[in-house]
Amino acid sequence: MRILPGMARNEIRPVVKLRSTAGTGYTYVTRKNRRNDPDRLELRKYDPVAGRHVTFREER
């Protein structure tokens, strides 16, 4: 992995919290690459509280 001068590791791949859109309050924690995904991240993942796959959105 190549780190560019003047840019800390945490600035490139920050830890983000993904919250369920089903309203259950369930969250996943992951890292994202800011260069590839500058906008808020949206992933379909399994929500065990809802018992099905739902969209999880990045929370800041």
PDB file of N, CA and C in Angstrom:
ATOM      1  N   MET A   1       0.843  -1.183   0.000  1.00  0.00           N
ATOM      2  CA  MET A   1       0.000   0.000   0.000  1.00  0.00           C
ATOM      3  C   MET A   1       0.880   1.235   0.000  1.00  0.00           C
ATOM      4  N   ARG A   2       0.553   2.161  -0.869  1.00  0.00           N
ATOM      5  CA  ARG A   2       1.348   3.371  -0.995  1.00  0.00           C
ATOM      6  C   ARG A   2       0.616   4.534  -0.342  1.00  0.00           C
ATOM      7  N   ILE A   3       1.246   5.183   0.605  1.00  0.00           N
ATOM      8  CA  ILE A   3       0.656   6.347   1.265  1.00  0.00           C
ATOM      9  C   ILE A   3       1.265   7.602   0.658  1.00  0.00           C
ATOM     10  N   LEU A   4       0.413   8.488   0.188  1.00  0.00           N
ATOM     11  CA  LEU A   4       0.894   9.719  -0.422  1.00  0.00           C
ATOM     12  C   LEU A   4       1.373  10.683   0.646  1.00  0.00           C
ATOM     13  N   PRO A   5       2.390  11.479   0.331  1.00  0.00           N
ATOM     14  CA  PRO A   5       2.897  12.441   1.314  1.00  0.00           C
ATOM     15  C   PRO A   5       1.828  13.456   1.698  1.00  0.00           C
ATOM     16  N   GLY A   6       1.765  13.753   2.990  1.00  0.00           N
ATOM     17  CA  GLY A   6       0.810  14.757   3.466  1.00  0.00           C
ATOM     18  C   GLY A   6      -0.583  14.230   3.710  1.00  0.00           C
ATOM     19  N   MET A   7      -0.827  12.943   3.486  1.00  0.00           N
ATOM     20  CA  MET A   7      -2.159  12.391   3.699  1.00  0.00           C
ATOM     21  C   MET A   7      -2.066  11.224   4.683  1.00  0.00           C
ATOM     22  N   ALA A   8      -2.724  11.352   5.801  1.00  0.00           N
ATOM     23  CA  ALA A   8      -2.686  10.305   6.819  1.00  0.00           C
ATOM     24  C   ALA A   8      -3.503   9.104   6.373  1.00  0.00           C
ATOM     25  N   ARG A   9      -3.233   7.963   6.937  1.00  0.00           N
ATOM     26  CA  ARG A   9      -3.936   6.740   6.565  1.00  0.00           C
ATOM     27  C   ARG A   9      -5.432   6.847   6.838  1.00  0.00           C
ATOM     28  N   ASN A  10      -5.813   7.436   7.952  1.00  0.00           N
ATOM     29  CA  ASN A  10      -7.224   7.536   8.312  1.00  0.00           C
ATOM     30  C   ASN A  10      -8.004   8.472   7.407  1.00  0.00           C
ATOM     31  N   GLU A  11      -7.319   9.387   6.727  1.00  0.00           N
ATOM     32  CA  GLU A  11      -8.010  10.281   5.809  1.00  0.00           C
ATOM     33  C   GLU A  11      -8.391   9.565   4.518  1.00  0.00           C
ATOM     34  N   ILE A  12      -7.601   8.568   4.123  1.00  0.00           N
ATOM     35  CA  ILE A  12      -7.862   7.843   2.880  1.00  0.00           C
ATOM     36  C   ILE A  12      -8.967   6.809   3.074  1.00  0.00           C
ATOM     37  N   ARG A  13      -8.883   6.023   4.152  1.00  0.00           N
ATOM     38  CA  ARG A  13      -9.872   4.963   4.404  1.00  0.00           C
ATOM     39  C   ARG A  13     -10.491   5.147   5.791  1.00  0.00           C
ATOM     40  N   PRO A  14     -11.448   6.061   5.915  1.00  0.00           N
ATOM     41  CA  PRO A  14     -12.048   6.291   7.228  1.00  0.00           C
ATOM     42  C   PRO A  14     -13.011   5.171   7.620  1.00  0.00           C
ATOM     43  N   VAL A  15     -13.215   5.014   8.926  1.00  0.00           N
ATOM     44  CA  VAL A  15     -14.190   4.060   9.449  1.00  0.00           C
ATOM     45  C   VAL A  15     -15.556   4.730   9.353  1.00  0.00           C
ATOM     46  N   VAL A  16     -16.527   4.027   8.754  1.00  0.00           N
ATOM     47  CA  VAL A  16     -17.880   4.568   8.628  1.00  0.00           C
ATOM     48  C   VAL A  16     -18.881   3.610   9.251  1.00  0.00           C
ATOM     49  N   LYS A  17     -19.988   4.155   9.720  1.00  0.00           N
ATOM     50  CA  LYS A  17     -21.056   3.367  10.321  1.00  0.00           C
ATOM     51  C   LYS A  17     -22.201   3.285   9.320  1.00  0.00           C
ATOM     52  N   LEU A  18     -22.670   2.064   9.043  1.00  0.00           N
ATOM     53  CA  LEU A  18     -23.799   1.858   8.131  1.00  0.00           C
ATOM     54  C   LEU A  18     -25.028   1.544   8.967  1.00  0.00           C
ATOM     55  N   ARG A  19     -26.085   2.364   8.847  1.00  0.00           N
ATOM     56  CA  ARG A  19     -27.307   2.168   9.632  1.00  0.00           C
ATOM     57  C   ARG A  19     -28.425   1.646   8.733  1.00  0.00           C
ATOM     58  N   SER A  20     -29.208   0.698   9.253  1.00  0.00           N
ATOM     59  CA  SER A  20     -30.305   0.081   8.512  1.00  0.00           C
ATOM     60  C   SER A  20     -31.399   1.094   8.212  1.00  0.00           C
ATOM     61  N   THR A  21     -31.946   1.015   6.986  1.00  0.00           N
ATOM     62  CA  THR A  21     -33.065   1.893   6.615  1.00  0.00           C
ATOM     63  C   THR A  21     -34.402   1.294   7.028  1.00  0.00           C
ATOM     64  N   ALA A  22     -34.382   0.085   7.608  1.00  0.00           N
ATOM     65  CA  ALA A  22     -35.620  -0.563   8.051  1.00  0.00           C
ATOM     66  C   ALA A  22     -36.115   0.015   9.376  1.00  0.00           C
ATOM     67  N   GLY A  23     -35.315   0.881   9.981  1.00  0.00           N
ATOM     68  CA  GLY A  23     -35.734   1.504  11.239  1.00  0.00           C
ATOM     69  C   GLY A  23     -35.504   0.648  12.465  1.00  0.00           C
ATOM     70  N   THR A  24     -34.682  -0.401  12.342  1.00  0.00           N
ATOM     71  CA  THR A  24     -34.431  -1.291  13.480  1.00  0.00           C
ATOM     72  C   THR A  24     -33.302  -0.779  14.363  1.00  0.00           C
ATOM     73  N   GLY A  25     -32.486   0.145  13.840  1.00  0.00           N
ATOM     74  CA  GLY A  25     -31.361   0.657  14.601  1.00  0.00           C
ATOM     75  C   GLY A  25     -30.115  -0.199  14.501  1.00  0.00           C
ATOM     76  N   TYR A  26     -30.153  -1.273  13.691  1.00  0.00           N
ATOM     77  CA  TYR A  26     -29.002  -2.158  13.534  1.00  0.00           C
ATOM     78  C   TYR A  26     -27.944  -1.470  12.684  1.00  0.00           C
ATOM     79  N   THR A  27     -26.663  -1.624  13.058  1.00  0.00           N
ATOM     80  CA  THR A  27     -25.579  -0.985  12.320  1.00  0.00           C
ATOM     81  C   THR A  27     -24.459  -1.971  12.006  1.00  0.00           C
ATOM     82  N   TYR A  28     -23.750  -1.691  10.928  1.00  0.00           N
ATOM     83  CA  TYR A  28     -22.498  -2.361  10.576  1.00  0.00           C
ATOM     84  C   TYR A  28     -21.417  -1.290  10.611  1.00  0.00           C
ATOM     85  N   VAL A  29     -20.178  -1.683  10.907  1.00  0.00           N
ATOM     86  CA  VAL A  29     -19.047  -0.763  10.866  1.00  0.00           C
ATOM     87  C   VAL A  29     -18.080  -1.294   9.829  1.00  0.00           C
ATOM     88  N   THR A  30     -17.637  -0.412   8.926  1.00  0.00           N
ATOM     89  CA  THR A  30     -16.726  -0.809   7.860  1.00  0.00           C
ATOM     90  C   THR A  30     -15.803   0.349   7.514  1.00  0.00           C
ATOM     91  N   ARG A  31     -14.865   0.126   6.594  1.00  0.00           N
ATOM     92  CA  ARG A  31     -13.982   1.182   6.101  1.00  0.00           C
ATOM     93  C   ARG A  31     -14.321   1.411   4.643  1.00  0.00           C
ATOM     94  N   LYS A  32     -14.136   2.652   4.176  1.00  0.00           N
ATOM     95  CA  LYS A  32     -14.376   2.921   2.765  1.00  0.00           C
ATOM     96  C   LYS A  32     -13.220   3.725   2.198  1.00  0.00           C
ATOM     97  N   ASN A  33     -13.046   3.630   0.894  1.00  0.00           N
ATOM     98  CA  ASN A  33     -12.009   4.378   0.204  1.00  0.00           C
ATOM     99  C   ASN A  33     -12.628   5.686  -0.294  1.00  0.00           C
ATOM    100  N   ARG A  34     -12.165   6.800   0.213  1.00  0.00           N
ATOM    101  CA  ARG A  34     -12.729   8.097  -0.158  1.00  0.00           C
ATOM    102  C   ARG A  34     -12.503   8.466  -1.610  1.00  0.00           C
ATOM    103  N   ARG A  35     -11.412   7.966  -2.183  1.00  0.00           N
ATOM    104  CA  ARG A  35     -11.138   8.286  -3.595  1.00  0.00           C
ATOM    105  C   ARG A  35     -12.122   7.596  -4.511  1.00  0.00           C
ATOM    106  N   ASN A  36     -12.502   6.349  -4.199  1.00  0.00           N
ATOM    107  CA  ASN A  36     -13.437   5.596  -5.047  1.00  0.00           C
ATOM    108  C   ASN A  36     -14.887   5.907  -4.718  1.00  0.00           C
ATOM    109  N   ASP A  37     -15.208   6.204  -3.459  1.00  0.00           N
ATOM    110  CA  ASP A  37     -16.583   6.458  -3.014  1.00  0.00           C
ATOM    111  C   ASP A  37     -16.653   7.771  -2.253  1.00  0.00           C
ATOM    112  N   PRO A  38     -16.589   8.915  -2.943  1.00  0.00           N
ATOM    113  CA  PRO A  38     -16.629  10.189  -2.227  1.00  0.00           C
ATOM    114  C   PRO A  38     -18.001  10.498  -1.634  1.00  0.00           C
ATOM    115  N   ASP A  39     -19.069   9.936  -2.223  1.00  0.00           N
ATOM    116  CA  ASP A  39     -20.419  10.171  -1.715  1.00  0.00           C
ATOM    117  C   ASP A  39     -20.722   9.198  -0.580  1.00  0.00           C
ATOM    118  N   ARG A  40     -21.904   9.338  -0.009  1.00  0.00           N
ATOM    119  CA  ARG A  40     -22.292   8.413   1.065  1.00  0.00           C
ATOM    120  C   ARG A  40     -22.482   7.012   0.518  1.00  0.00           C
ATOM    121  N   LEU A  41     -22.000   6.040   1.275  1.00  0.00           N
ATOM    122  CA  LEU A  41     -22.036   4.643   0.871  1.00  0.00           C
ATOM    123  C   LEU A  41     -23.415   4.052   1.128  1.00  0.00           C
ATOM    124  N   GLU A  42     -23.907   3.233   0.179  1.00  0.00           N
ATOM    125  CA  GLU A  42     -25.180   2.514   0.343  1.00  0.00           C
ATOM    126  C   GLU A  42     -24.957   1.071  -0.062  1.00  0.00           C
ATOM    127  N   LEU A  43     -25.227   0.151   0.855  1.00  0.00           N
ATOM    128  CA  LEU A  43     -25.046  -1.277   0.585  1.00  0.00           C
ATOM    129  C   LEU A  43     -26.281  -2.043   1.027  1.00  0.00           C
ATOM    130  N   ARG A  44     -26.603  -3.134   0.298  1.00  0.00           N
ATOM    131  CA  ARG A  44     -27.670  -4.036   0.733  1.00  0.00           C
ATOM    132  C   ARG A  44     -27.036  -5.136   1.561  1.00  0.00           C
ATOM    133  N   LYS A  45     -27.424  -5.197   2.840  1.00  0.00           N
ATOM    134  CA  LYS A  45     -26.872  -6.192   3.752  1.00  0.00           C
ATOM    135  C   LYS A  45     -28.010  -6.801   4.562  1.00  0.00           C
ATOM    136  N   TYR A  46     -27.692  -7.874   5.274  1.00  0.00           N
ATOM    137  CA  TYR A  46     -28.692  -8.578   6.076  1.00  0.00           C
ATOM    138  C   TYR A  46     -28.910  -7.869   7.404  1.00  0.00           C
ATOM    139  N   ASP A  47     -30.162  -7.615   7.731  1.00  0.00           N
ATOM    140  CA  ASP A  47     -30.543  -7.032   9.022  1.00  0.00           C
ATOM    141  C   ASP A  47     -31.179  -8.143   9.852  1.00  0.00           C
ATOM    142  N   PRO A  48     -30.473  -8.670  10.860  1.00  0.00           N
ATOM    143  CA  PRO A  48     -31.016  -9.777  11.647  1.00  0.00           C
ATOM    144  C   PRO A  48     -32.247  -9.407  12.458  1.00  0.00           C
ATOM    145  N   VAL A  49     -32.404  -8.142  12.795  1.00  0.00           N
ATOM    146  CA  VAL A  49     -33.587  -7.716  13.553  1.00  0.00           C
ATOM    147  C   VAL A  49     -34.818  -7.771  12.649  1.00  0.00           C
ATOM    148  N   ALA A  50     -34.681  -7.290  11.407  1.00  0.00           N
ATOM    149  CA  ALA A  50     -35.789  -7.309  10.443  1.00  0.00           C
ATOM    150  C   ALA A  50     -35.947  -8.694   9.817  1.00  0.00           C
ATOM    151  N   GLY A  51     -34.867  -9.483   9.829  1.00  0.00           N
ATOM    152  CA  GLY A  51     -34.922 -10.836   9.279  1.00  0.00           C
ATOM    153  C   GLY A  51     -34.854 -10.876   7.761  1.00  0.00           C
ATOM    154  N   ARG A  52     -34.323  -9.832   7.138  1.00  0.00           N
ATOM    155  CA  ARG A  52     -34.227  -9.801   5.678  1.00  0.00           C
ATOM    156  C   ARG A  52     -33.110  -8.850   5.247  1.00  0.00           C
ATOM    157  N   HIS A  53     -32.801  -8.842   3.964  1.00  0.00           N
ATOM    158  CA  HIS A  53     -31.811  -7.920   3.414  1.00  0.00           C
ATOM    159  C   HIS A  53     -32.462  -6.561   3.192  1.00  0.00           C
ATOM    160  N   VAL A  54     -31.795  -5.503   3.648  1.00  0.00           N
ATOM    161  CA  VAL A  54     -32.288  -4.135   3.473  1.00  0.00           C
ATOM    162  C   VAL A  54     -31.109  -3.238   3.082  1.00  0.00           C
ATOM    163  N   THR A  55     -31.420  -2.021   2.679  1.00  0.00           N
ATOM    164  CA  THR A  55     -30.372  -1.059   2.337  1.00  0.00           C
ATOM    165  C   THR A  55     -29.822  -0.430   3.608  1.00  0.00           C
ATOM    166  N   PHE A  56     -28.495  -0.369   3.677  1.00  0.00           N
ATOM    167  CA  PHE A  56     -27.803   0.293   4.790  1.00  0.00           C
ATOM    168  C   PHE A  56     -27.126   1.531   4.222  1.00  0.00           C
ATOM    169  N   ARG A  57     -27.298   2.688   4.892  1.00  0.00           N
ATOM    170  CA  ARG A  57     -26.714   3.931   4.426  1.00  0.00           C
ATOM    171  C   ARG A  57     -25.643   4.407   5.385  1.00  0.00           C
ATOM    172  N   GLU A  58     -24.643   5.057   4.825  1.00  0.00           N
ATOM    173  CA  GLU A  58     -23.556   5.605   5.631  1.00  0.00           C
ATOM    174  C   GLU A  58     -24.066   6.725   6.528  1.00  0.00           C
ATOM    175  N   GLU A  59     -23.581   6.706   7.761  1.00  0.00           N
ATOM    176  CA  GLU A  59     -23.956   7.712   8.753  1.00  0.00           C
ATOM    177  C   GLU A  59     -22.680   8.424   9.171  1.00  0.00           C
ATOM    178  N   ARG A  60     -22.741   9.736   9.321  1.00  0.00           N
ATOM    179  CA  ARG A  60     -21.529  10.492   9.683  1.00  0.00           C
ATOM    180  C   ARG A  60     -21.565  10.973  11.106  1.00  0.00           C
TER     181      ARG A  60
END
